[in-house]
Amino acid sequence: MVLVHGAFADAASEEEALELYGTFAVAAPGEPLFQAAAANLNPWTEAKVDTHAADRGPLLIISGEKDNTVPWAIANAAYKKQAQNEHAVTEITEIPGRGHSLTIDSGWREVADTALTFVRRFVDPTT
């Protein structure tokens, strides 16, 4: 329970954390996690990202204030790396009181509204 409530659903109640874990957690191999963790050490990794791609669209990084799995320092580091792309908009926002399960727990609408507001700035309403 500590792992579920302390990491997967770190800002949700214990009851909601168990429900979310039972509904959304998927057993999967750890290979993608290890590839991402070693991305800076392996020049041939599948996890490599071209942060200067001229054709990259707008990027919004959304972080939860209480996220223990991907804390602000990690989200902000990703933002700083992506913000070096002079061809694309990169923004970051932190949602107060929210944890790692911010897109699936009971407060998901606030996250969706934040993302939708961002996307609408770049969409032509006439198309």
Protein backbone atom coordinates (compact mmCIF):
# COMPACT_ATOMS: atom_id res chain seq x y z
CA MET A 1 0.00 0.00 0.00
CA VAL A 2 2.83 2.41 0.79
CA LEU A 3 4.20 2.04 -2.75
CA VAL A 4 0.79 2.72 -4.30
CA HIS A 5 -0.11 5.65 -2.05
CA GLY A 6 3.46 7.00 -1.78
CA ALA A 7 4.35 6.93 -5.47
CA PHE A 8 1.65 5.93 -7.94
CA ALA A 9 -1.10 8.04 -6.37
CA ASP A 10 0.88 10.18 -3.96
CA ALA A 11 -1.67 12.99 -3.51
CA ALA A 12 -4.82 10.84 -3.54
CA SER A 13 -6.51 9.31 -0.51
CA GLU A 14 -5.56 5.72 0.31
CA GLU A 15 -8.96 4.54 -0.90
CA GLU A 16 -8.67 6.38 -4.23
CA ALA A 17 -5.05 5.24 -4.63
CA LEU A 18 -6.05 1.58 -4.37
CA GLU A 19 -8.93 2.09 -6.81
CA LEU A 20 -6.66 3.87 -9.31
CA TYR A 21 -3.99 1.20 -9.01
CA GLY A 22 -6.53 -1.58 -9.55
CA THR A 23 -7.99 0.21 -12.56
CA PHE A 24 -4.95 1.69 -14.32
CA ALA A 25 -1.77 -0.10 -13.24
CA VAL A 26 -0.44 -2.41 -15.93
CA ALA A 27 2.27 -4.98 -15.35
CA ALA A 28 5.02 -4.31 -17.86
CA PRO A 29 8.70 -5.03 -18.39
CA GLY A 30 11.12 -2.51 -16.91
CA GLU A 31 13.21 -2.20 -20.08
CA PRO A 32 11.82 1.22 -21.15
CA LEU A 33 12.55 2.60 -17.67
CA PHE A 34 16.14 1.36 -17.81
CA GLN A 35 16.55 2.75 -21.34
CA ALA A 36 15.35 6.16 -20.19
CA ALA A 37 17.54 6.04 -17.07
CA ALA A 38 20.62 5.26 -19.15
CA ALA A 39 19.78 7.59 -22.05
CA ASN A 40 22.62 9.99 -21.25
CA LEU A 41 25.12 7.13 -21.15
CA ASN A 42 24.11 5.32 -24.33
CA PRO A 43 24.43 7.29 -27.59
CA TRP A 44 22.39 4.63 -29.47
CA THR A 45 19.43 4.50 -27.07
CA GLU A 46 15.86 4.29 -28.34
CA ALA A 47 14.99 6.91 -25.71
CA LYS A 48 17.02 9.69 -27.35
CA VAL A 49 15.07 12.87 -28.08
CA ASP A 50 15.97 15.57 -30.60
CA THR A 51 15.32 18.63 -28.44
CA HIS A 52 16.15 20.99 -31.31
CA ALA A 53 13.82 19.51 -33.95
CA ALA A 54 12.48 22.32 -36.11
CA ASP A 55 9.17 20.51 -36.70
CA ARG A 56 8.31 19.91 -33.05
CA GLY A 57 4.98 21.31 -31.98
CA PRO A 58 4.17 23.27 -28.82
CA LEU A 59 4.97 21.42 -25.59
CA LEU A 60 3.38 21.90 -22.19
CA ILE A 61 4.93 20.02 -19.28
CA ILE A 62 2.43 19.62 -16.45
CA SER A 63 3.79 18.75 -13.02
CA GLY A 64 1.95 17.92 -9.83
CA GLU A 65 3.14 19.79 -6.74
CA LYS A 66 3.08 16.59 -4.65
CA ASP A 67 4.48 14.25 -7.31
CA ASN A 68 7.11 12.05 -5.67
CA THR A 69 7.70 9.93 -8.78
CA VAL A 70 8.57 12.80 -11.15
CA PRO A 71 9.22 15.74 -8.80
CA TRP A 72 9.40 19.39 -9.88
CA ALA A 73 13.20 19.24 -10.20
CA ILE A 74 12.94 16.52 -12.87
CA ALA A 75 10.02 18.15 -14.71
CA ASN A 76 11.80 21.51 -14.64
CA ALA A 77 15.04 19.95 -15.94
CA ALA A 78 13.08 18.49 -18.88
CA TYR A 79 11.51 21.90 -19.44
CA LYS A 80 14.89 23.66 -19.48
CA LYS A 81 16.25 21.13 -21.98
CA GLN A 82 13.21 21.42 -24.29
CA ALA A 83 13.07 25.23 -23.94
CA GLN A 84 16.42 25.44 -25.75
CA ASN A 85 14.53 24.68 -28.98
CA GLU A 86 14.25 28.07 -30.69
CA HIS A 87 11.71 26.70 -33.17
CA ALA A 88 8.99 25.65 -30.73
CA VAL A 89 7.02 26.91 -27.76
CA THR A 90 7.82 25.14 -24.50
CA GLU A 91 6.02 25.89 -21.25
CA ILE A 92 5.74 24.32 -17.81
CA THR A 93 3.10 24.54 -15.12
CA GLU A 94 2.75 23.04 -11.68
CA ILE A 95 -0.70 22.09 -10.43
CA PRO A 96 -1.02 22.72 -6.67
CA GLY A 97 -1.91 19.81 -4.43
CA ARG A 98 -1.66 17.22 -7.22
CA GLY A 99 0.50 14.12 -7.39
CA HIS A 100 1.74 11.66 -9.99
CA SER A 101 -1.74 10.33 -10.80
CA LEU A 102 -2.91 13.81 -11.78
CA THR A 103 -4.35 12.71 -15.15
CA ILE A 104 -6.43 9.82 -13.77
CA ASP A 105 -7.45 10.72 -10.23
CA SER A 106 -10.51 12.68 -9.11
CA GLY A 107 -8.96 16.05 -10.07
CA TRP A 108 -8.20 15.12 -13.69
CA ARG A 109 -10.53 17.78 -15.10
CA GLU A 110 -8.28 20.60 -13.83
CA VAL A 111 -5.35 19.01 -15.66
CA ALA A 112 -7.44 18.52 -18.81
CA ASP A 113 -8.61 22.14 -18.70
CA THR A 114 -5.02 23.34 -18.30
CA ALA A 115 -3.90 21.29 -21.30
CA LEU A 116 -6.92 22.30 -23.39
CA THR A 117 -6.33 26.00 -22.69
CA PHE A 118 -2.72 25.56 -23.83
CA VAL A 119 -3.68 23.67 -27.02
CA ARG A 120 -6.37 26.17 -27.99
CA ARG A 121 -3.73 28.90 -28.20
CA PHE A 122 -2.19 27.07 -31.16
CA VAL A 123 -5.27 25.83 -33.02
CA ASP A 124 -6.96 27.76 -35.80
CA PRO A 125 -10.68 27.68 -34.90
CA THR A 126 -11.64 28.06 -38.56
CA THR A 127 -10.24 24.65 -39.53
